[in-house]
């Protein structure tokens, strides 16, 4: 059985969140997950032209930074942005980053 590492809310760090979101692909994944909440699978929320192994690494980085929560349903990994946890630790940070992401 696959066990995923998810930091506790109090263990989510500003440096970890910023480092994870500094990559444009990971930022795009977070935007996709927030825009289409029903679209929680790894492939559905991410760019199509990325190798699966690279994509898995991006999701691992996001998960270990505390940005997403991953569960396994059958053969699919389901991902949800931990928006409440991020906002509890750093109020308004995620919204501000996403607002200015395209600049």
PDB file of N, CA and C in Angstrom:
ATOM      1  N   UNK A   1       0.830  -1.182   0.000  1.00  0.00           N
ATOM      2  CA  UNK A   1       0.000   0.000   0.000  1.00  0.00           C
ATOM      3  C   UNK A   1       0.876   1.248   0.000  1.00  0.00           C
ATOM      4  N   UNK A   2       0.517   2.218  -0.813  1.00  0.00           N
ATOM      5  CA  UNK A   2       1.275   3.458  -0.924  1.00  0.00           C
ATOM      6  C   UNK A   2       0.940   4.370   0.249  1.00  0.00           C
ATOM      7  N   UNK A   3       1.966   4.815   0.943  1.00  0.00           N
ATOM      8  CA  UNK A   3       1.800   5.762   2.040  1.00  0.00           C
ATOM      9  C   UNK A   3       2.393   7.090   1.587  1.00  0.00           C
ATOM     10  N   UNK A   4       1.631   8.151   1.698  1.00  0.00           N
ATOM     11  CA  UNK A   4       2.106   9.463   1.296  1.00  0.00           C
ATOM     12  C   UNK A   4       2.507  10.265   2.521  1.00  0.00           C
ATOM     13  N   UNK A   5       3.570  11.064   2.383  1.00  0.00           N
ATOM     14  CA  UNK A   5       4.034  11.924   3.457  1.00  0.00           C
ATOM     15  C   UNK A   5       3.327  13.273   3.334  1.00  0.00           C
ATOM     16  N   UNK A   6       2.606  13.642   4.384  1.00  0.00           N
ATOM     17  CA  UNK A   6       1.924  14.932   4.444  1.00  0.00           C
ATOM     18  C   UNK A   6       2.340  15.614   5.742  1.00  0.00           C
ATOM     19  N   UNK A   7       2.983  16.776   5.652  1.00  0.00           N
ATOM     20  CA  UNK A   7       3.359  17.449   6.893  1.00  0.00           C
ATOM     21  C   UNK A   7       2.125  17.930   7.652  1.00  0.00           C
ATOM     22  N   UNK A   8       2.234  17.951   8.962  1.00  0.00           N
ATOM     23  CA  UNK A   8       1.168  18.516   9.788  1.00  0.00           C
ATOM     24  C   UNK A   8       1.088  20.010   9.498  1.00  0.00           C
ATOM     25  N   UNK A   9      -0.068  20.594   9.751  1.00  0.00           N
ATOM     26  CA  UNK A   9      -0.273  22.026   9.475  1.00  0.00           C
ATOM     27  C   UNK A   9       0.844  22.872  10.075  1.00  0.00           C
ATOM     28  N   UNK A  10       1.189  22.620  11.328  1.00  0.00           N
ATOM     29  CA  UNK A  10       2.204  23.443  12.001  1.00  0.00           C
ATOM     30  C   UNK A  10       3.608  23.237  11.425  1.00  0.00           C
ATOM     31  N   UNK A  11       3.794  22.195  10.642  1.00  0.00           N
ATOM     32  CA  UNK A  11       5.104  21.928  10.046  1.00  0.00           C
ATOM     33  C   UNK A  11       5.259  22.500   8.637  1.00  0.00           C
ATOM     34  N   UNK A  12       4.204  23.104   8.104  1.00  0.00           N
ATOM     35  CA  UNK A  12       4.288  23.736   6.786  1.00  0.00           C
ATOM     36  C   UNK A  12       5.065  25.042   6.941  1.00  0.00           C
ATOM     37  N   UNK A  13       6.108  25.197   6.136  1.00  0.00           N
ATOM     38  CA  UNK A  13       6.960  26.386   6.256  1.00  0.00           C
ATOM     39  C   UNK A  13       6.778  27.321   5.065  1.00  0.00           C
ATOM     40  N   UNK A  14       7.014  28.584   5.311  1.00  0.00           N
ATOM     41  CA  UNK A  14       6.937  29.575   4.249  1.00  0.00           C
ATOM     42  C   UNK A  14       7.978  29.271   3.169  1.00  0.00           C
ATOM     43  N   UNK A  15       9.174  28.933   3.589  1.00  0.00           N
ATOM     44  CA  UNK A  15      10.240  28.618   2.630  1.00  0.00           C
ATOM     45  C   UNK A  15       9.855  27.429   1.757  1.00  0.00           C
ATOM     46  N   UNK A  16       9.259  26.411   2.356  1.00  0.00           N
ATOM     47  CA  UNK A  16       8.852  25.231   1.600  1.00  0.00           C
ATOM     48  C   UNK A  16       7.759  25.536   0.590  1.00  0.00           C
ATOM     49  N   UNK A  17       6.772  26.328   1.013  1.00  0.00           N
ATOM     50  CA  UNK A  17       5.668  26.705   0.122  1.00  0.00           C
ATOM     51  C   UNK A  17       6.197  27.540  -1.039  1.00  0.00           C
ATOM     52  N   UNK A  18       7.014  28.536  -0.732  1.00  0.00           N
ATOM     53  CA  UNK A  18       7.543  29.410  -1.780  1.00  0.00           C
ATOM     54  C   UNK A  18       8.447  28.649  -2.743  1.00  0.00           C
ATOM     55  N   UNK A  19       9.274  27.759  -2.221  1.00  0.00           N
ATOM     56  CA  UNK A  19      10.158  26.965  -3.081  1.00  0.00           C
ATOM     57  C   UNK A  19       9.347  26.063  -4.010  1.00  0.00           C
ATOM     58  N   UNK A  20       8.302  25.441  -3.473  1.00  0.00           N
ATOM     59  CA  UNK A  20       7.477  24.551  -4.297  1.00  0.00           C
ATOM     60  C   UNK A  20       6.753  25.325  -5.389  1.00  0.00           C
ATOM     61  N   UNK A  21       6.263  26.516  -5.059  1.00  0.00           N
ATOM     62  CA  UNK A  21       5.498  27.305  -6.031  1.00  0.00           C
ATOM     63  C   UNK A  21       6.391  28.126  -6.954  1.00  0.00           C
ATOM     64  N   UNK A  22       7.691  28.120  -6.738  1.00  0.00           N
ATOM     65  CA  UNK A  22       8.605  28.843  -7.618  1.00  0.00           C
ATOM     66  C   UNK A  22       8.706  28.182  -8.989  1.00  0.00           C
ATOM     67  N   UNK A  23       8.380  26.905  -9.066  1.00  0.00           N
ATOM     68  CA  UNK A  23       8.412  26.194 -10.343  1.00  0.00           C
ATOM     69  C   UNK A  23       7.112  26.449 -11.097  1.00  0.00           C
ATOM     70  N   UNK A  24       7.178  26.908 -12.345  1.00  0.00           N
ATOM     71  CA  UNK A  24       5.961  27.226 -13.095  1.00  0.00           C
ATOM     72  C   UNK A  24       5.023  26.031 -13.307  1.00  0.00           C
ATOM     73  N   UNK A  25       5.577  24.847 -13.427  1.00  0.00           N
ATOM     74  CA  UNK A  25       4.724  23.660 -13.614  1.00  0.00           C
ATOM     75  C   UNK A  25       3.934  23.387 -12.345  1.00  0.00           C
ATOM     76  N   UNK A  26       4.593  23.470 -11.190  1.00  0.00           N
ATOM     77  CA  UNK A  26       3.891  23.227  -9.931  1.00  0.00           C
ATOM     78  C   UNK A  26       2.851  24.308  -9.670  1.00  0.00           C
ATOM     79  N   UNK A  27       3.168  25.527 -10.018  1.00  0.00           N
ATOM     80  CA  UNK A  27       2.201  26.614  -9.882  1.00  0.00           C
ATOM     81  C   UNK A  27       0.984  26.348 -10.771  1.00  0.00           C
ATOM     82  N   UNK A  28       1.230  25.879 -11.969  1.00  0.00           N
ATOM     83  CA  UNK A  28       0.139  25.546 -12.895  1.00  0.00           C
ATOM     84  C   UNK A  28      -0.712  24.389 -12.351  1.00  0.00           C
ATOM     85  N   UNK A  29      -0.082  23.416 -11.719  1.00  0.00           N
ATOM     86  CA  UNK A  29      -0.818  22.294 -11.124  1.00  0.00           C
ATOM     87  C   UNK A  29      -1.743  22.805 -10.022  1.00  0.00           C
ATOM     88  N   UNK A  30      -1.232  23.664  -9.141  1.00  0.00           N
ATOM     89  CA  UNK A  30      -2.049  24.219  -8.054  1.00  0.00           C
ATOM     90  C   UNK A  30      -3.211  25.017  -8.634  1.00  0.00           C
ATOM     91  N   UNK A  31      -2.944  25.847  -9.628  1.00  0.00           N
ATOM     92  CA  UNK A  31      -4.009  26.621 -10.268  1.00  0.00           C
ATOM     93  C   UNK A  31      -5.069  25.692 -10.857  1.00  0.00           C
ATOM     94  N   UNK A  32      -4.629  24.612 -11.489  1.00  0.00           N
ATOM     95  CA  UNK A  32      -5.564  23.650 -12.074  1.00  0.00           C
ATOM     96  C   UNK A  32      -6.418  22.968 -11.019  1.00  0.00           C
ATOM     97  N   UNK A  33      -5.801  22.585  -9.923  1.00  0.00           N
ATOM     98  CA  UNK A  33      -6.549  21.919  -8.853  1.00  0.00           C
ATOM     99  C   UNK A  33      -7.550  22.864  -8.195  1.00  0.00           C
ATOM    100  N   UNK A  34      -7.199  24.128  -8.079  1.00  0.00           N
ATOM    101  CA  UNK A  34      -8.114  25.097  -7.472  1.00  0.00           C
ATOM    102  C   UNK A  34      -9.230  25.514  -8.428  1.00  0.00           C
ATOM    103  N   UNK A  35      -8.919  25.569  -9.709  1.00  0.00           N
ATOM    104  CA  UNK A  35      -9.900  25.987 -10.713  1.00  0.00           C
ATOM    105  C   UNK A  35     -10.924  24.893 -10.991  1.00  0.00           C
ATOM    106  N   UNK A  36     -10.456  23.658 -11.029  1.00  0.00           N
ATOM    107  CA  UNK A  36     -11.321  22.516 -11.331  1.00  0.00           C
ATOM    108  C   UNK A  36     -11.258  21.515 -10.181  1.00  0.00           C
ATOM    109  N   UNK A  37     -11.974  21.776  -9.073  1.00  0.00           N
ATOM    110  CA  UNK A  37     -11.885  20.883  -7.912  1.00  0.00           C
ATOM    111  C   UNK A  37     -12.279  19.440  -8.217  1.00  0.00           C
ATOM    112  N   UNK A  38     -13.151  19.233  -9.189  1.00  0.00           N
ATOM    113  CA  UNK A  38     -13.561  17.872  -9.535  1.00  0.00           C
ATOM    114  C   UNK A  38     -12.448  17.150 -10.285  1.00  0.00           C
ATOM    115  N   UNK A  39     -11.456  17.890 -10.714  1.00  0.00           N
ATOM    116  CA  UNK A  39     -10.363  17.367 -11.531  1.00  0.00           C
ATOM    117  C   UNK A  39      -9.162  17.115 -10.628  1.00  0.00           C
ATOM    118  N   UNK A  40      -9.206  16.074  -9.839  1.00  0.00           N
ATOM    119  CA  UNK A  40      -8.200  15.891  -8.799  1.00  0.00           C
ATOM    120  C   UNK A  40      -7.097  14.903  -9.143  1.00  0.00           C
ATOM    121  N   UNK A  41      -7.145  14.285 -10.307  1.00  0.00           N
ATOM    122  CA  UNK A  41      -6.111  13.295 -10.608  1.00  0.00           C
ATOM    123  C   UNK A  41      -4.830  13.975 -11.049  1.00  0.00           C
ATOM    124  N   UNK A  42      -3.748  13.263 -10.948  1.00  0.00           N
ATOM    125  CA  UNK A  42      -2.446  13.814 -11.317  1.00  0.00           C
ATOM    126  C   UNK A  42      -2.442  14.327 -12.746  1.00  0.00           C
ATOM    127  N   UNK A  43      -2.924  13.554 -13.662  1.00  0.00           N
ATOM    128  CA  UNK A  43      -2.820  13.917 -15.064  1.00  0.00           C
ATOM    129  C   UNK A  43      -3.814  14.990 -15.452  1.00  0.00           C
ATOM    130  N   UNK A  44      -4.969  15.017 -14.850  1.00  0.00           N
ATOM    131  CA  UNK A  44      -6.008  15.959 -15.259  1.00  0.00           C
ATOM    132  C   UNK A  44      -5.658  17.396 -14.906  1.00  0.00           C
ATOM    133  N   UNK A  45      -4.917  17.599 -13.836  1.00  0.00           N
ATOM    134  CA  UNK A  45      -4.623  18.962 -13.374  1.00  0.00           C
ATOM    135  C   UNK A  45      -3.263  19.460 -13.824  1.00  0.00           C
ATOM    136  N   UNK A  46      -2.625  18.721 -14.700  1.00  0.00           N
ATOM    137  CA  UNK A  46      -1.261  19.069 -15.038  1.00  0.00           C
ATOM    138  C   UNK A  46      -1.046  19.152 -16.545  1.00  0.00           C
ATOM    139  N   UNK A  47       0.056  19.756 -16.942  1.00  0.00           N
ATOM    140  CA  UNK A  47       0.370  19.851 -18.365  1.00  0.00           C
ATOM    141  C   UNK A  47       0.527  18.464 -18.991  1.00  0.00           C
ATOM    142  N   UNK A  48       0.089  18.330 -20.217  1.00  0.00           N
ATOM    143  CA  UNK A  48       0.057  17.027 -20.883  1.00  0.00           C
ATOM    144  C   UNK A  48       1.412  16.562 -21.400  1.00  0.00           C
ATOM    145  N   UNK A  49       2.314  17.480 -21.653  1.00  0.00           N
ATOM    146  CA  UNK A  49       3.564  17.117 -22.322  1.00  0.00           C
ATOM    147  C   UNK A  49       4.721  16.786 -21.377  1.00  0.00           C
ATOM    148  N   UNK A  50       4.407  16.475 -20.136  1.00  0.00           N
ATOM    149  CA  UNK A  50       5.441  16.177 -19.146  1.00  0.00           C
ATOM    150  C   UNK A  50       5.480  14.668 -18.899  1.00  0.00           C
ATOM    151  N   UNK A  51       6.678  14.070 -18.886  1.00  0.00           N
ATOM    152  CA  UNK A  51       6.771  12.639 -18.589  1.00  0.00           C
ATOM    153  C   UNK A  51       6.180  12.328 -17.220  1.00  0.00           C
ATOM    154  N   UNK A  52       5.595  11.142 -17.101  1.00  0.00           N
ATOM    155  CA  UNK A  52       4.917  10.753 -15.862  1.00  0.00           C
ATOM    156  C   UNK A  52       5.857  10.800 -14.651  1.00  0.00           C
ATOM    157  N   UNK A  53       7.101  10.394 -14.835  1.00  0.00           N
ATOM    158  CA  UNK A  53       8.039  10.398 -13.705  1.00  0.00           C
ATOM    159  C   UNK A  53       8.319  11.824 -13.229  1.00  0.00           C
ATOM    160  N   UNK A  54       8.438  12.762 -14.160  1.00  0.00           N
ATOM    161  CA  UNK A  54       8.657  14.164 -13.800  1.00  0.00           C
ATOM    162  C   UNK A  54       7.426  14.717 -13.100  1.00  0.00           C
ATOM    163  N   UNK A  55       6.269  14.378 -13.626  1.00  0.00           N
ATOM    164  CA  UNK A  55       5.012  14.827 -13.033  1.00  0.00           C
ATOM    165  C   UNK A  55       4.862  14.286 -11.612  1.00  0.00           C
ATOM    166  N   UNK A  56       5.194  13.038 -11.409  1.00  0.00           N
ATOM    167  CA  UNK A  56       5.134  12.441 -10.066  1.00  0.00           C
ATOM    168  C   UNK A  56       6.033  13.194  -9.103  1.00  0.00           C
ATOM    169  N   UNK A  57       7.202  13.606  -9.582  1.00  0.00           N
ATOM    170  CA  UNK A  57       8.114  14.363  -8.732  1.00  0.00           C
ATOM    171  C   UNK A  57       7.511  15.711  -8.361  1.00  0.00           C
ATOM    172  N   UNK A  58       6.862  16.379  -9.317  1.00  0.00           N
ATOM    173  CA  UNK A  58       6.225  17.668  -9.018  1.00  0.00           C
ATOM    174  C   UNK A  58       5.150  17.501  -7.938  1.00  0.00           C
ATOM    175  N   UNK A  59       4.345  16.460  -8.053  1.00  0.00           N
ATOM    176  CA  UNK A  59       3.311  16.219  -7.046  1.00  0.00           C
ATOM    177  C   UNK A  59       3.931  15.880  -5.694  1.00  0.00           C
ATOM    178  N   UNK A  60       5.048  15.158  -5.673  1.00  0.00           N
ATOM    179  CA  UNK A  60       5.730  14.842  -4.419  1.00  0.00           C
ATOM    180  C   UNK A  60       6.205  16.119  -3.739  1.00  0.00           C
ATOM    181  N   UNK A  61       6.803  17.024  -4.518  1.00  0.00           N
ATOM    182  CA  UNK A  61       7.297  18.290  -3.959  1.00  0.00           C
ATOM    183  C   UNK A  61       6.137  19.096  -3.371  1.00  0.00           C
ATOM    184  N   UNK A  62       5.035  19.175  -4.103  1.00  0.00           N
ATOM    185  CA  UNK A  62       3.861  19.903  -3.609  1.00  0.00           C
ATOM    186  C   UNK A  62       3.311  19.270  -2.332  1.00  0.00           C
ATOM    187  N   UNK A  63       3.278  17.947  -2.301  1.00  0.00           N
ATOM    188  CA  UNK A  63       2.768  17.220  -1.133  1.00  0.00           C
ATOM    189  C   UNK A  63       3.673  17.429   0.077  1.00  0.00           C
ATOM    190  N   UNK A  64       4.982  17.297  -0.121  1.00  0.00           N
ATOM    191  CA  UNK A  64       5.924  17.433   0.994  1.00  0.00           C
ATOM    192  C   UNK A  64       6.020  18.871   1.498  1.00  0.00           C
ATOM    193  N   UNK A  65       5.678  19.842   0.650  1.00  0.00           N
ATOM    194  CA  UNK A  65       5.645  21.241   1.078  1.00  0.00           C
ATOM    195  C   UNK A  65       4.358  21.551   1.834  1.00  0.00           C
ATOM    196  N   UNK A  66       3.394  20.630   1.801  1.00  0.00           N
ATOM    197  CA  UNK A  66       2.134  20.829   2.503  1.00  0.00           C
ATOM    198  C   UNK A  66       1.070  21.512   1.668  1.00  0.00           C
ATOM    199  N   UNK A  67       1.299  21.630   0.362  1.00  0.00           N
ATOM    200  CA  UNK A  67       0.349  22.319  -0.507  1.00  0.00           C
ATOM    201  C   UNK A  67      -0.810  21.445  -0.966  1.00  0.00           C
ATOM    202  N   UNK A  68      -0.586  20.146  -1.080  1.00  0.00           N
ATOM    203  CA  UNK A  68      -1.661  19.247  -1.515  1.00  0.00           C
ATOM    204  C   UNK A  68      -1.748  18.045  -0.585  1.00  0.00           C
ATOM    205  N   UNK A  69      -2.900  17.425  -0.599  1.00  0.00           N
ATOM    206  CA  UNK A  69      -3.119  16.162   0.110  1.00  0.00           C
ATOM    207  C   UNK A  69      -3.460  15.129  -0.952  1.00  0.00           C
ATOM    208  N   UNK A  70      -2.744  14.019  -0.941  1.00  0.00           N
ATOM    209  CA  UNK A  70      -2.922  12.978  -1.946  1.00  0.00           C
ATOM    210  C   UNK A  70      -3.475  11.712  -1.303  1.00  0.00           C
ATOM    211  N   UNK A  71      -4.487  11.155  -1.941  1.00  0.00           N
ATOM    212  CA  UNK A  71      -5.014   9.854  -1.538  1.00  0.00           C
ATOM    213  C   UNK A  71      -5.031   8.971  -2.776  1.00  0.00           C
ATOM    214  N   UNK A  72      -5.055   7.692  -2.544  1.00  0.00           N
ATOM    215  CA  UNK A  72      -5.104   6.753  -3.656  1.00  0.00           C
ATOM    216  C   UNK A  72      -6.495   6.153  -3.722  1.00  0.00           C
ATOM    217  N   UNK A  73      -7.095   6.212  -4.912  1.00  0.00           N
ATOM    218  CA  UNK A  73      -8.407   5.617  -5.143  1.00  0.00           C
ATOM    219  C   UNK A  73      -8.264   4.702  -6.343  1.00  0.00           C
ATOM    220  N   UNK A  74      -8.221   3.401  -6.074  1.00  0.00           N
ATOM    221  CA  UNK A  74      -7.950   2.444  -7.151  1.00  0.00           C
ATOM    222  C   UNK A  74      -6.525   2.648  -7.638  1.00  0.00           C
ATOM    223  N   UNK A  75      -6.378   2.877  -8.934  1.00  0.00           N
ATOM    224  CA  UNK A  75      -5.046   3.116  -9.498  1.00  0.00           C
ATOM    225  C   UNK A  75      -4.756   4.607  -9.652  1.00  0.00           C
ATOM    226  N   UNK A  76      -5.700   5.437  -9.252  1.00  0.00           N
ATOM    227  CA  UNK A  76      -5.569   6.878  -9.439  1.00  0.00           C
ATOM    228  C   UNK A  76      -5.188   7.570  -8.140  1.00  0.00           C
ATOM    229  N   UNK A  77      -4.322   8.558  -8.259  1.00  0.00           N
ATOM    230  CA  UNK A  77      -3.971   9.395  -7.112  1.00  0.00           C
ATOM    231  C   UNK A  77      -4.847  10.632  -7.165  1.00  0.00           C
ATOM    232  N   UNK A  78      -5.531  10.913  -6.066  1.00  0.00           N
ATOM    233  CA  UNK A  78      -6.405  12.084  -5.967  1.00  0.00           C
ATOM    234  C   UNK A  78      -5.698  13.159  -5.164  1.00  0.00           C
ATOM    235  N   UNK A  79      -5.714  14.371  -5.675  1.00  0.00           N
ATOM    236  CA  UNK A  79      -5.017  15.483  -5.036  1.00  0.00           C
ATOM    237  C   UNK A  79      -5.969  16.630  -4.756  1.00  0.00           C
ATOM    238  N   UNK A  80      -5.841  17.183  -3.565  1.00  0.00           N
ATOM    239  CA  UNK A  80      -6.650  18.329  -3.158  1.00  0.00           C
ATOM    240  C   UNK A  80      -5.704  19.360  -2.549  1.00  0.00           C
ATOM    241  N   UNK A  81      -5.875  20.612  -2.936  1.00  0.00           N
ATOM    242  CA  UNK A  81      -5.051  21.682  -2.365  1.00  0.00           C
ATOM    243  C   UNK A  81      -5.441  21.862  -0.901  1.00  0.00           C
ATOM    244  N   UNK A  82      -4.457  21.941  -0.040  1.00  0.00           N
ATOM    245  CA  UNK A  82      -4.692  22.140   1.394  1.00  0.00           C
ATOM    246  C   UNK A  82      -4.850  23.635   1.681  1.00  0.00           C
ATOM    247  N   UNK A  83      -5.828  24.213   1.025  1.00  0.00           N
ATOM    248  CA  UNK A  83      -6.043  25.656   1.086  1.00  0.00           C
ATOM    249  C   UNK A  83      -6.283  26.141   2.518  1.00  0.00           C
ATOM    250  N   UNK A  84      -7.092  25.428   3.277  1.00  0.00           N
ATOM    251  CA  UNK A  84      -7.381  25.841   4.657  1.00  0.00           C
ATOM    252  C   UNK A  84      -6.118  25.818   5.510  1.00  0.00           C
ATOM    253  N   UNK A  85      -5.278  24.802   5.326  1.00  0.00           N
ATOM    254  CA  UNK A  85      -4.033  24.716   6.100  1.00  0.00           C
ATOM    255  C   UNK A  85      -3.059  25.824   5.719  1.00  0.00           C
ATOM    256  N   UNK A  86      -2.949  26.102   4.428  1.00  0.00           N
ATOM    257  CA  UNK A  86      -2.045  27.165   3.980  1.00  0.00           C
ATOM    258  C   UNK A  86      -2.543  28.523   4.488  1.00  0.00           C
ATOM    259  N   UNK A  87      -3.850  28.752   4.390  1.00  0.00           N
ATOM    260  CA  UNK A  87      -4.409  30.024   4.863  1.00  0.00           C
ATOM    261  C   UNK A  87      -4.304  30.172   6.374  1.00  0.00           C
ATOM    262  N   UNK A  88      -4.372  29.068   7.103  1.00  0.00           N
ATOM    263  CA  UNK A  88      -4.222  29.130   8.561  1.00  0.00           C
ATOM    264  C   UNK A  88      -2.783  29.512   8.940  1.00  0.00           C
ATOM    265  N   UNK A  89      -1.832  28.989   8.191  1.00  0.00           N
ATOM    266  CA  UNK A  89      -0.423  29.286   8.476  1.00  0.00           C
ATOM    267  C   UNK A  89      -0.003  30.650   7.935  1.00  0.00           C
ATOM    268  N   UNK A  90      -0.435  30.954   6.704  1.00  0.00           N
ATOM    269  CA  UNK A  90       0.000  32.171   6.017  1.00  0.00           C
ATOM    270  C   UNK A  90      -1.209  32.817   5.344  1.00  0.00           C
ATOM    271  N   UNK A  91      -2.025  33.540   6.111  1.00  0.00           N
ATOM    272  CA  UNK A  91      -3.269  34.104   5.581  1.00  0.00           C
ATOM    273  C   UNK A  91      -3.046  34.943   4.313  1.00  0.00           C
ATOM    274  N   UNK A  92      -3.788  34.596   3.271  1.00  0.00           N
ATOM    275  CA  UNK A  92      -3.762  35.348   2.025  1.00  0.00           C
ATOM    276  C   UNK A  92      -2.592  35.066   1.105  1.00  0.00           C
ATOM    277  N   UNK A  93      -1.629  34.260   1.541  1.00  0.00           N
ATOM    278  CA  UNK A  93      -0.426  34.018   0.738  1.00  0.00           C
ATOM    279  C   UNK A  93      -0.742  33.331  -0.588  1.00  0.00           C
ATOM    280  N   UNK A  94      -1.470  32.240  -0.531  1.00  0.00           N
ATOM    281  CA  UNK A  94      -1.761  31.476  -1.743  1.00  0.00           C
ATOM    282  C   UNK A  94      -2.550  32.316  -2.741  1.00  0.00           C
ATOM    283  N   UNK A  95      -3.534  33.046  -2.250  1.00  0.00           N
ATOM    284  CA  UNK A  95      -4.352  33.905  -3.115  1.00  0.00           C
ATOM    285  C   UNK A  95      -3.481  34.976  -3.773  1.00  0.00           C
ATOM    286  N   UNK A  96      -2.582  35.584  -3.002  1.00  0.00           N
ATOM    287  CA  UNK A  96      -1.704  36.630  -3.543  1.00  0.00           C
ATOM    288  C   UNK A  96      -0.752  36.071  -4.593  1.00  0.00           C
ATOM    289  N   UNK A  97      -0.187  34.914  -4.319  1.00  0.00           N
ATOM    290  CA  UNK A  97       0.736  34.299  -5.286  1.00  0.00           C
ATOM    291  C   UNK A  97      -0.004  33.984  -6.585  1.00  0.00           C
ATOM    292  N   UNK A  98      -1.173  33.382  -6.476  1.00  0.00           N
ATOM    293  CA  UNK A  98      -1.920  33.011  -7.671  1.00  0.00           C
ATOM    294  C   UNK A  98      -2.407  34.236  -8.441  1.00  0.00           C
ATOM    295  N   UNK A  99      -2.740  35.295  -7.731  1.00  0.00           N
ATOM    296  CA  UNK A  99      -3.206  36.525  -8.378  1.00  0.00           C
ATOM    297  C   UNK A  99      -2.102  37.127  -9.244  1.00  0.00           C
ATOM    298  N   UNK A 100      -0.878  37.068  -8.780  1.00  0.00           N
ATOM    299  CA  UNK A 100       0.241  37.697  -9.475  1.00  0.00           C
ATOM    300  C   UNK A 100       1.078  36.709 -10.273  1.00  0.00           C
ATOM    301  N   UNK A 101       0.631  35.493 -10.404  1.00  0.00           N
ATOM    302  CA  UNK A 101       1.410  34.453 -11.077  1.00  0.00           C
ATOM    303  C   UNK A 101       1.696  34.753 -12.536  1.00  0.00           C
ATOM    304  N   UNK A 102       0.772  35.388 -13.205  1.00  0.00           N
ATOM    305  CA  UNK A 102       0.953  35.642 -14.629  1.00  0.00           C
ATOM    306  C   UNK A 102       1.729  36.905 -14.957  1.00  0.00           C
ATOM    307  N   UNK A 103       2.167  37.618 -13.954  1.00  0.00           N
ATOM    308  CA  UNK A 103       2.853  38.904 -14.207  1.00  0.00           C
ATOM    309  C   UNK A 103       4.316  38.716 -14.499  1.00  0.00           C
TER     310      UNK A 103
END
